[in-house]
């Protein structure tokens, strides 16, 4: 079982920036893909971005491409999402997810691939 704890959410004005972190308690011998998803009221949970275990491969939703970026720390246990040029439509609860993998360079962009989820952190962007 992997425990994921998100932090860094809050209220920000449009065009501002926020950084979200996801700390994962994982087994030292295992590799995990880490992804970010979000869910706005009345909407389904949607993919935002993902980073492979190695950190060398990433993928972004079209809606955040060029504005958001993701990285991992050297111990691979924390995923960091930097969100720039935030828009009101970015308002949502953001969830971190982890999927155990045998491949250091693979990533997955669908929520059904993930078996471990954090509790979410609220991001609100005011206009």
Protein backbone atom coordinates (compact mmCIF):
# COMPACT_ATOMS: atom_id res chain seq x y z
CA UNK A 1 0.00 0.00 0.00
CA UNK A 2 1.33 3.41 -0.99
CA UNK A 3 0.38 6.48 0.98
CA UNK A 4 0.28 9.76 -0.91
CA UNK A 5 0.02 13.18 0.70
CA UNK A 6 -0.55 16.29 -1.39
CA UNK A 7 0.28 19.80 -0.24
CA UNK A 8 0.51 23.30 -1.64
CA UNK A 9 -3.03 24.04 -2.73
CA UNK A 10 -4.75 27.32 -2.03
CA UNK A 11 -6.30 30.44 -3.47
CA UNK A 12 -4.50 32.39 -6.19
CA UNK A 13 -5.41 35.12 -8.62
CA UNK A 14 -5.58 34.48 -12.35
CA UNK A 15 -2.14 34.41 -14.00
CA UNK A 16 -0.56 33.54 -10.68
CA UNK A 17 1.47 30.46 -9.78
CA UNK A 18 1.25 27.59 -7.33
CA UNK A 19 3.43 24.59 -6.58
CA UNK A 20 1.88 21.30 -5.50
CA UNK A 21 3.86 18.50 -3.91
CA UNK A 22 3.04 14.84 -3.50
CA UNK A 23 5.00 12.89 -0.92
CA UNK A 24 4.84 9.14 -1.35
CA UNK A 25 5.66 6.47 1.18
CA UNK A 26 6.84 3.63 -1.03
CA UNK A 27 8.89 0.48 -0.73
CA UNK A 28 12.52 1.14 -1.50
CA UNK A 29 12.73 -1.68 -4.04
CA UNK A 30 9.69 -0.60 -6.06
CA UNK A 31 9.27 1.85 -8.92
CA UNK A 32 6.22 4.08 -9.23
CA UNK A 33 4.81 6.26 -11.96
CA UNK A 34 3.33 9.39 -10.43
CA UNK A 35 0.47 11.29 -11.99
CA UNK A 36 -1.68 14.32 -11.25
CA UNK A 37 -5.39 14.47 -11.90
CA UNK A 38 -8.04 17.05 -11.09
CA UNK A 39 -11.75 17.17 -10.54
CA UNK A 40 -13.91 20.26 -10.73
CA UNK A 41 -17.46 20.28 -9.31
CA UNK A 42 -19.83 18.40 -11.59
CA UNK A 43 -17.01 17.07 -13.74
CA UNK A 44 -15.24 13.75 -13.95
CA UNK A 45 -11.69 13.39 -12.68
CA UNK A 46 -9.36 14.25 -15.53
CA UNK A 47 -5.71 13.72 -16.34
CA UNK A 48 -3.34 16.66 -15.82
CA UNK A 49 0.20 15.34 -16.06
CA UNK A 50 2.40 12.35 -15.34
CA UNK A 51 6.07 11.60 -14.79
CA UNK A 52 7.86 8.29 -15.18
CA UNK A 53 9.88 6.69 -12.40
CA UNK A 54 13.13 7.78 -14.01
CA UNK A 55 11.81 11.32 -14.38
CA UNK A 56 12.92 11.31 -17.98
CA UNK A 57 9.48 11.09 -19.54
CA UNK A 58 6.47 13.30 -18.93
CA UNK A 59 3.09 13.85 -20.50
CA UNK A 60 0.65 16.73 -20.14
CA UNK A 61 -2.97 17.37 -20.90
CA UNK A 62 -3.45 19.83 -23.75
CA UNK A 63 -5.18 22.24 -21.39
CA UNK A 64 -2.06 22.67 -19.25
CA UNK A 65 0.73 22.13 -21.79
CA UNK A 66 3.20 25.00 -21.60
CA UNK A 67 1.85 26.27 -18.27
CA UNK A 68 2.37 23.34 -15.90
CA UNK A 69 5.48 21.26 -15.35
CA UNK A 70 6.25 18.18 -13.27
CA UNK A 71 9.44 16.89 -11.69
CA UNK A 72 10.59 14.36 -9.10
CA UNK A 73 13.17 14.66 -6.38
CA UNK A 74 16.35 12.60 -6.51
CA UNK A 75 14.95 10.02 -4.09
CA UNK A 76 11.96 9.66 -6.46
CA UNK A 77 9.54 9.81 -3.57
CA UNK A 78 8.15 13.30 -4.15
CA UNK A 79 6.48 14.61 -7.28
CA UNK A 80 6.31 18.36 -7.71
CA UNK A 81 3.92 20.16 -10.02
CA UNK A 82 4.62 23.79 -10.86
CA UNK A 83 1.54 25.60 -12.15
CA UNK A 84 2.04 28.91 -13.93
CA UNK A 85 -0.35 31.30 -15.65
CA UNK A 86 -3.27 29.84 -13.75
CA UNK A 87 -6.77 30.37 -15.11
CA UNK A 88 -10.14 30.24 -13.34
CA UNK A 89 -10.88 27.03 -15.26
CA UNK A 90 -7.96 25.39 -13.45
CA UNK A 91 -10.01 25.53 -10.24
CA UNK A 92 -10.43 21.97 -8.98
CA UNK A 93 -9.36 19.46 -6.39
CA UNK A 94 -5.99 18.12 -7.49
CA UNK A 95 -5.11 14.50 -6.79
CA UNK A 96 -1.78 12.75 -6.83
CA UNK A 97 -1.75 9.12 -7.97
CA UNK A 98 0.88 6.39 -8.08
CA UNK A 99 1.15 3.19 -10.09
CA UNK A 100 3.74 0.53 -9.42
CA UNK A 101 5.63 -0.36 -12.56
CA UNK A 102 8.42 -2.61 -13.76
CA UNK A 103 9.57 -0.03 -16.32
CA UNK A 104 11.47 3.09 -15.29
CA UNK A 105 10.51 5.03 -18.42
CA UNK A 106 6.84 4.16 -18.77
CA UNK A 107 3.97 6.45 -17.88
CA UNK A 108 0.17 6.20 -17.87
CA UNK A 109 -2.31 8.97 -18.57
CA UNK A 110 -5.57 7.26 -17.67
CA UNK A 111 -6.98 7.27 -14.16
CA UNK A 112 -7.90 3.60 -14.34
CA UNK A 113 -4.20 2.70 -14.42
CA UNK A 114 -3.65 4.00 -10.90
CA UNK A 115 -4.32 2.03 -7.76
CA UNK A 116 -3.05 4.54 -5.21
CA UNK A 117 -4.54 7.98 -4.66
CA UNK A 118 -4.01 10.89 -2.33
CA UNK A 119 -6.87 12.71 -0.64
CA UNK A 120 -6.57 15.77 -2.85
CA UNK A 121 -5.80 19.43 -2.37
CA UNK A 122 -8.02 22.32 -3.42
CA UNK A 123 -6.78 24.86 -5.94
CA UNK A 124 -8.96 27.91 -6.48
CA UNK A 125 -8.12 30.52 -9.11
CA UNK A 126 -10.00 33.80 -8.89
CA UNK A 127 -10.60 36.00 -11.90
